[in-house]
Amino acid sequence: MLRVGSLCYGTLLFIAQLAYLRIDADADQPTPLRRVLWDALAVSMLVLCAYELYAYLLGRWA
């Protein structure tokens, strides 16, 4: 269970980290709040999809 949990949370952290790195990636121009909000919503949706995928795969495996 520890391996499965670590794998799941590790991939979710990876997904969130990609969006976090996009914030202020260009040092010359600040990132608009609108883009940050859209990225946060997109990451939230990807995380929910990943949860569903893991639930489906673990349900078939168990």
PDB file of N, CA and C in Angstrom:
ATOM      1  N   MET A   1       0.813  -1.175   0.000  1.00  0.00           N
ATOM      2  CA  MET A   1       0.000   0.000   0.000  1.00  0.00           C
ATOM      3  C   MET A   1       0.867   1.252   0.000  1.00  0.00           C
ATOM      4  N   LEU A   2       1.990   1.183   0.650  1.00  0.00           N
ATOM      5  CA  LEU A   2       2.877   2.341   0.684  1.00  0.00           C
ATOM      6  C   LEU A   2       3.417   2.657  -0.709  1.00  0.00           C
ATOM      7  N   ARG A   3       3.736   1.624  -1.470  1.00  0.00           N
ATOM      8  CA  ARG A   3       4.234   1.844  -2.843  1.00  0.00           C
ATOM      9  C   ARG A   3       3.161   2.463  -3.727  1.00  0.00           C
ATOM     10  N   VAL A   4       1.961   1.918  -3.628  1.00  0.00           N
ATOM     11  CA  VAL A   4       0.874   2.428  -4.467  1.00  0.00           C
ATOM     12  C   VAL A   4       0.559   3.871  -4.101  1.00  0.00           C
ATOM     13  N   GLY A   5       0.482   4.171  -2.812  1.00  0.00           N
ATOM     14  CA  GLY A   5       0.207   5.532  -2.375  1.00  0.00           C
ATOM     15  C   GLY A   5       1.304   6.495  -2.788  1.00  0.00           C
ATOM     16  N   SER A   6       2.548   6.055  -2.670  1.00  0.00           N
ATOM     17  CA  SER A   6       3.661   6.913  -3.065  1.00  0.00           C
ATOM     18  C   SER A   6       3.652   7.168  -4.564  1.00  0.00           C
ATOM     19  N   LEU A   7       3.321   6.170  -5.341  1.00  0.00           N
ATOM     20  CA  LEU A   7       3.236   6.334  -6.791  1.00  0.00           C
ATOM     21  C   LEU A   7       2.121   7.313  -7.153  1.00  0.00           C
ATOM     22  N   CYS A   8       0.962   7.156  -6.539  1.00  0.00           N
ATOM     23  CA  CYS A   8      -0.167   8.033  -6.841  1.00  0.00           C
ATOM     24  C   CYS A   8       0.139   9.469  -6.459  1.00  0.00           C
ATOM     25  N   TYR A   9       0.584   9.697  -5.242  1.00  0.00           N
ATOM     26  CA  TYR A   9       0.853  11.063  -4.808  1.00  0.00           C
ATOM     27  C   TYR A   9       2.067  11.657  -5.514  1.00  0.00           C
ATOM     28  N   GLY A  10       3.003  10.830  -5.886  1.00  0.00           N
ATOM     29  CA  GLY A  10       4.158  11.323  -6.634  1.00  0.00           C
ATOM     30  C   GLY A  10       3.770  11.843  -8.002  1.00  0.00           C
ATOM     31  N   THR A  11       2.886  11.142  -8.682  1.00  0.00           N
ATOM     32  CA  THR A  11       2.461  11.624  -9.994  1.00  0.00           C
ATOM     33  C   THR A  11       1.601  12.873  -9.867  1.00  0.00           C
ATOM     34  N   LEU A  12       0.793  12.960  -8.824  1.00  0.00           N
ATOM     35  CA  LEU A  12      -0.013  14.167  -8.616  1.00  0.00           C
ATOM     36  C   LEU A  12       0.880  15.353  -8.304  1.00  0.00           C
ATOM     37  N   LEU A  13       1.921  15.136  -7.528  1.00  0.00           N
ATOM     38  CA  LEU A  13       2.869  16.206  -7.245  1.00  0.00           C
ATOM     39  C   LEU A  13       3.579  16.639  -8.525  1.00  0.00           C
ATOM     40  N   PHE A  14       3.905  15.690  -9.381  1.00  0.00           N
ATOM     41  CA  PHE A  14       4.554  16.001 -10.652  1.00  0.00           C
ATOM     42  C   PHE A  14       3.647  16.857 -11.529  1.00  0.00           C
ATOM     43  N   ILE A  15       2.369  16.515 -11.594  1.00  0.00           N
ATOM     44  CA  ILE A  15       1.415  17.288 -12.391  1.00  0.00           C
ATOM     45  C   ILE A  15       1.316  18.715 -11.858  1.00  0.00           C
ATOM     46  N   ALA A  16       1.205  18.855 -10.553  1.00  0.00           N
ATOM     47  CA  ALA A  16       1.084  20.180  -9.954  1.00  0.00           C
ATOM     48  C   ALA A  16       2.378  20.974 -10.097  1.00  0.00           C
ATOM     49  N   GLN A  17       3.506  20.294 -10.036  1.00  0.00           N
ATOM     50  CA  GLN A  17       4.795  20.974 -10.135  1.00  0.00           C
ATOM     51  C   GLN A  17       4.980  21.610 -11.517  1.00  0.00           C
ATOM     52  N   LEU A  18       4.488  20.958 -12.555  1.00  0.00           N
ATOM     53  CA  LEU A  18       4.601  21.517 -13.899  1.00  0.00           C
ATOM     54  C   LEU A  18       3.868  22.848 -14.012  1.00  0.00           C
ATOM     55  N   ALA A  19       2.689  22.933 -13.409  1.00  0.00           N
ATOM     56  CA  ALA A  19       1.949  24.203 -13.457  1.00  0.00           C
ATOM     57  C   ALA A  19       2.620  25.248 -12.584  1.00  0.00           C
ATOM     58  N   TYR A  20       3.155  24.831 -11.458  1.00  0.00           N
ATOM     59  CA  TYR A  20       3.817  25.781 -10.556  1.00  0.00           C
ATOM     60  C   TYR A  20       5.046  26.398 -11.219  1.00  0.00           C
ATOM     61  N   LEU A  21       5.767  25.617 -11.995  1.00  0.00           N
ATOM     62  CA  LEU A  21       6.967  26.114 -12.652  1.00  0.00           C
ATOM     63  C   LEU A  21       6.652  27.116 -13.763  1.00  0.00           C
ATOM     64  N   ARG A  22       5.435  27.069 -14.301  1.00  0.00           N
ATOM     65  CA  ARG A  22       5.054  28.016 -15.352  1.00  0.00           C
ATOM     66  C   ARG A  22       4.811  29.413 -14.805  1.00  0.00           C
ATOM     67  N   ILE A  23       4.494  29.508 -13.503  1.00  0.00           N
ATOM     68  CA  ILE A  23       4.243  30.823 -12.906  1.00  0.00           C
ATOM     69  C   ILE A  23       5.554  31.585 -12.862  1.00  0.00           C
ATOM     70  N   ASP A  24       5.555  32.746 -13.429  1.00  0.00           N
ATOM     71  CA  ASP A  24       6.734  33.624 -13.489  1.00  0.00           C
ATOM     72  C   ASP A  24       7.951  32.940 -14.110  1.00  0.00           C
ATOM     73  N   ALA A  25       7.719  32.108 -15.111  1.00  0.00           N
ATOM     74  CA  ALA A  25       8.834  31.489 -15.826  1.00  0.00           C
ATOM     75  C   ALA A  25       9.599  32.540 -16.627  1.00  0.00           C
ATOM     76  N   ASP A  26       8.883  33.534 -17.128  1.00  0.00           N
ATOM     77  CA  ASP A  26       9.509  34.648 -17.832  1.00  0.00           C
ATOM     78  C   ASP A  26       9.733  35.775 -16.825  1.00  0.00           C
ATOM     79  N   ALA A  27      10.970  36.043 -16.505  1.00  0.00           N
ATOM     80  CA  ALA A  27      11.282  37.031 -15.461  1.00  0.00           C
ATOM     81  C   ALA A  27      10.982  38.456 -15.910  1.00  0.00           C
ATOM     82  N   ASP A  28      10.876  38.685 -17.211  1.00  0.00           N
ATOM     83  CA  ASP A  28      10.645  40.035 -17.704  1.00  0.00           C
ATOM     84  C   ASP A  28       9.212  40.503 -17.486  1.00  0.00           C
ATOM     85  N   GLN A  29       8.258  39.585 -17.622  1.00  0.00           N
ATOM     86  CA  GLN A  29       6.848  39.946 -17.481  1.00  0.00           C
ATOM     87  C   GLN A  29       6.219  39.094 -16.383  1.00  0.00           C
ATOM     88  N   PRO A  30       5.465  39.704 -15.485  1.00  0.00           N
ATOM     89  CA  PRO A  30       4.770  38.911 -14.469  1.00  0.00           C
ATOM     90  C   PRO A  30       3.612  38.129 -15.104  1.00  0.00           C
ATOM     91  N   THR A  31       3.293  37.016 -14.516  1.00  0.00           N
ATOM     92  CA  THR A  31       2.207  36.192 -15.015  1.00  0.00           C
ATOM     93  C   THR A  31       0.873  36.792 -14.588  1.00  0.00           C
ATOM     94  N   PRO A  32      -0.045  36.986 -15.531  1.00  0.00           N
ATOM     95  CA  PRO A  32      -1.348  37.544 -15.156  1.00  0.00           C
ATOM     96  C   PRO A  32      -2.132  36.569 -14.270  1.00  0.00           C
ATOM     97  N   LEU A  33      -2.931  37.123 -13.389  1.00  0.00           N
ATOM     98  CA  LEU A  33      -3.721  36.304 -12.475  1.00  0.00           C
ATOM     99  C   LEU A  33      -4.681  35.398 -13.229  1.00  0.00           C
ATOM    100  N   ARG A  34      -5.196  35.878 -14.343  1.00  0.00           N
ATOM    101  CA  ARG A  34      -6.127  35.072 -15.144  1.00  0.00           C
ATOM    102  C   ARG A  34      -5.464  33.771 -15.601  1.00  0.00           C
ATOM    103  N   ARG A  35      -4.215  33.853 -16.050  1.00  0.00           N
ATOM    104  CA  ARG A  35      -3.509  32.653 -16.504  1.00  0.00           C
ATOM    105  C   ARG A  35      -3.217  31.707 -15.345  1.00  0.00           C
ATOM    106  N   VAL A  36      -2.863  32.267 -14.203  1.00  0.00           N
ATOM    107  CA  VAL A  36      -2.598  31.442 -13.022  1.00  0.00           C
ATOM    108  C   VAL A  36      -3.856  30.685 -12.609  1.00  0.00           C
ATOM    109  N   LEU A  37      -4.996  31.374 -12.637  1.00  0.00           N
ATOM    110  CA  LEU A  37      -6.250  30.722 -12.276  1.00  0.00           C
ATOM    111  C   LEU A  37      -6.625  29.623 -13.256  1.00  0.00           C
ATOM    112  N   TRP A  38      -6.463  29.884 -14.546  1.00  0.00           N
ATOM    113  CA  TRP A  38      -6.769  28.859 -15.541  1.00  0.00           C
ATOM    114  C   TRP A  38      -5.835  27.657 -15.400  1.00  0.00           C
ATOM    115  N   ASP A  39      -4.568  27.912 -15.136  1.00  0.00           N
ATOM    116  CA  ASP A  39      -3.626  26.806 -14.929  1.00  0.00           C
ATOM    117  C   ASP A  39      -3.993  26.000 -13.692  1.00  0.00           C
ATOM    118  N   ALA A  40      -4.408  26.684 -12.637  1.00  0.00           N
ATOM    119  CA  ALA A  40      -4.806  25.982 -11.412  1.00  0.00           C
ATOM    120  C   ALA A  40      -6.042  25.125 -11.647  1.00  0.00           C
ATOM    121  N   LEU A  41      -6.997  25.644 -12.403  1.00  0.00           N
ATOM    122  CA  LEU A  41      -8.186  24.850 -12.722  1.00  0.00           C
ATOM    123  C   LEU A  41      -7.840  23.656 -13.606  1.00  0.00           C
ATOM    124  N   ALA A  42      -6.934  23.852 -14.540  1.00  0.00           N
ATOM    125  CA  ALA A  42      -6.528  22.759 -15.418  1.00  0.00           C
ATOM    126  C   ALA A  42      -5.807  21.672 -14.628  1.00  0.00           C
ATOM    127  N   VAL A  43      -4.943  22.068 -13.716  1.00  0.00           N
ATOM    128  CA  VAL A  43      -4.233  21.094 -12.892  1.00  0.00           C
ATOM    129  C   VAL A  43      -5.211  20.347 -11.997  1.00  0.00           C
ATOM    130  N   SER A  44      -6.188  21.060 -11.465  1.00  0.00           N
ATOM    131  CA  SER A  44      -7.194  20.409 -10.630  1.00  0.00           C
ATOM    132  C   SER A  44      -7.954  19.349 -11.424  1.00  0.00           C
ATOM    133  N   MET A  45      -8.288  19.657 -12.659  1.00  0.00           N
ATOM    134  CA  MET A  45      -8.990  18.683 -13.494  1.00  0.00           C
ATOM    135  C   MET A  45      -8.099  17.487 -13.825  1.00  0.00           C
ATOM    136  N   LEU A  46      -6.832  17.752 -14.107  1.00  0.00           N
ATOM    137  CA  LEU A  46      -5.908  16.649 -14.378  1.00  0.00           C
ATOM    138  C   LEU A  46      -5.731  15.751 -13.154  1.00  0.00           C
ATOM    139  N   VAL A  47      -5.690  16.346 -11.984  1.00  0.00           N
ATOM    140  CA  VAL A  47      -5.568  15.561 -10.754  1.00  0.00           C
ATOM    141  C   VAL A  47      -6.815  14.700 -10.551  1.00  0.00           C
ATOM    142  N   LEU A  48      -7.992  15.266 -10.794  1.00  0.00           N
ATOM    143  CA  LEU A  48      -9.215  14.474 -10.670  1.00  0.00           C
ATOM    144  C   LEU A  48      -9.238  13.324 -11.674  1.00  0.00           C
ATOM    145  N   CYS A  49      -8.773  13.575 -12.885  1.00  0.00           N
ATOM    146  CA  CYS A  49      -8.698  12.507 -13.893  1.00  0.00           C
ATOM    147  C   CYS A  49      -7.703  11.435 -13.471  1.00  0.00           C
ATOM    148  N   ALA A  50      -6.591  11.852 -12.884  1.00  0.00           N
ATOM    149  CA  ALA A  50      -5.598  10.881 -12.402  1.00  0.00           C
ATOM    150  C   ALA A  50      -6.184  10.041 -11.274  1.00  0.00           C
ATOM    151  N   TYR A  51      -6.940  10.662 -10.361  1.00  0.00           N
ATOM    152  CA  TYR A  51      -7.605   9.903  -9.295  1.00  0.00           C
ATOM    153  C   TYR A  51      -8.547   8.857  -9.874  1.00  0.00           C
ATOM    154  N   GLU A  52      -9.323   9.253 -10.880  1.00  0.00           N
ATOM    155  CA  GLU A  52     -10.245   8.312 -11.503  1.00  0.00           C
ATOM    156  C   GLU A  52      -9.500   7.174 -12.191  1.00  0.00           C
ATOM    157  N   LEU A  53      -8.409   7.502 -12.856  1.00  0.00           N
ATOM    158  CA  LEU A  53      -7.614   6.485 -13.524  1.00  0.00           C
ATOM    159  C   LEU A  53      -7.041   5.497 -12.514  1.00  0.00           C
ATOM    160  N   TYR A  54      -6.495   6.017 -11.424  1.00  0.00           N
ATOM    161  CA  TYR A  54      -5.946   5.138 -10.389  1.00  0.00           C
ATOM    162  C   TYR A  54      -7.045   4.287  -9.754  1.00  0.00           C
ATOM    163  N   ALA A  55      -8.197   4.845  -9.501  1.00  0.00           N
ATOM    164  CA  ALA A  55      -9.293   4.077  -8.933  1.00  0.00           C
ATOM    165  C   ALA A  55      -9.724   2.961  -9.873  1.00  0.00           C
ATOM    166  N   TYR A  56      -9.778   3.273 -11.155  1.00  0.00           N
ATOM    167  CA  TYR A  56     -10.145   2.263 -12.143  1.00  0.00           C
ATOM    168  C   TYR A  56      -9.096   1.151 -12.214  1.00  0.00           C
ATOM    169  N   LEU A  57      -7.829   1.540 -12.300  1.00  0.00           N
ATOM    170  CA  LEU A  57      -6.766   0.534 -12.410  1.00  0.00           C
ATOM    171  C   LEU A  57      -6.639  -0.298 -11.146  1.00  0.00           C
ATOM    172  N   LEU A  58      -6.717   0.329  -9.993  1.00  0.00           N
ATOM    173  CA  LEU A  58      -6.618  -0.421  -8.747  1.00  0.00           C
ATOM    174  C   LEU A  58      -7.841  -1.286  -8.495  1.00  0.00           C
ATOM    175  N   GLY A  59      -9.003  -0.839  -8.971  1.00  0.00           N
ATOM    176  CA  GLY A  59     -10.213  -1.642  -8.844  1.00  0.00           C
ATOM    177  C   GLY A  59     -10.152  -2.899  -9.688  1.00  0.00           C
ATOM    178  N   ARG A  60      -9.547  -2.800 -10.859  1.00  0.00           N
ATOM    179  CA  ARG A  60      -9.407  -3.984 -11.722  1.00  0.00           C
ATOM    180  C   ARG A  60      -8.319  -4.925 -11.209  1.00  0.00           C
ATOM    181  N   TRP A  61      -7.321  -4.327 -10.585  1.00  0.00           N
ATOM    182  CA  TRP A  61      -6.173  -5.114 -10.117  1.00  0.00           C
ATOM    183  C   TRP A  61      -6.492  -5.853  -8.825  1.00  0.00           C
ATOM    184  N   ALA A  62      -7.287  -5.261  -7.980  1.00  0.00           N
ATOM    185  CA  ALA A  62      -7.579  -5.860  -6.670  1.00  0.00           C
ATOM    186  C   ALA A  62      -8.575  -6.983  -6.747  1.00  0.00           C
TER     187      ALA A  62
END
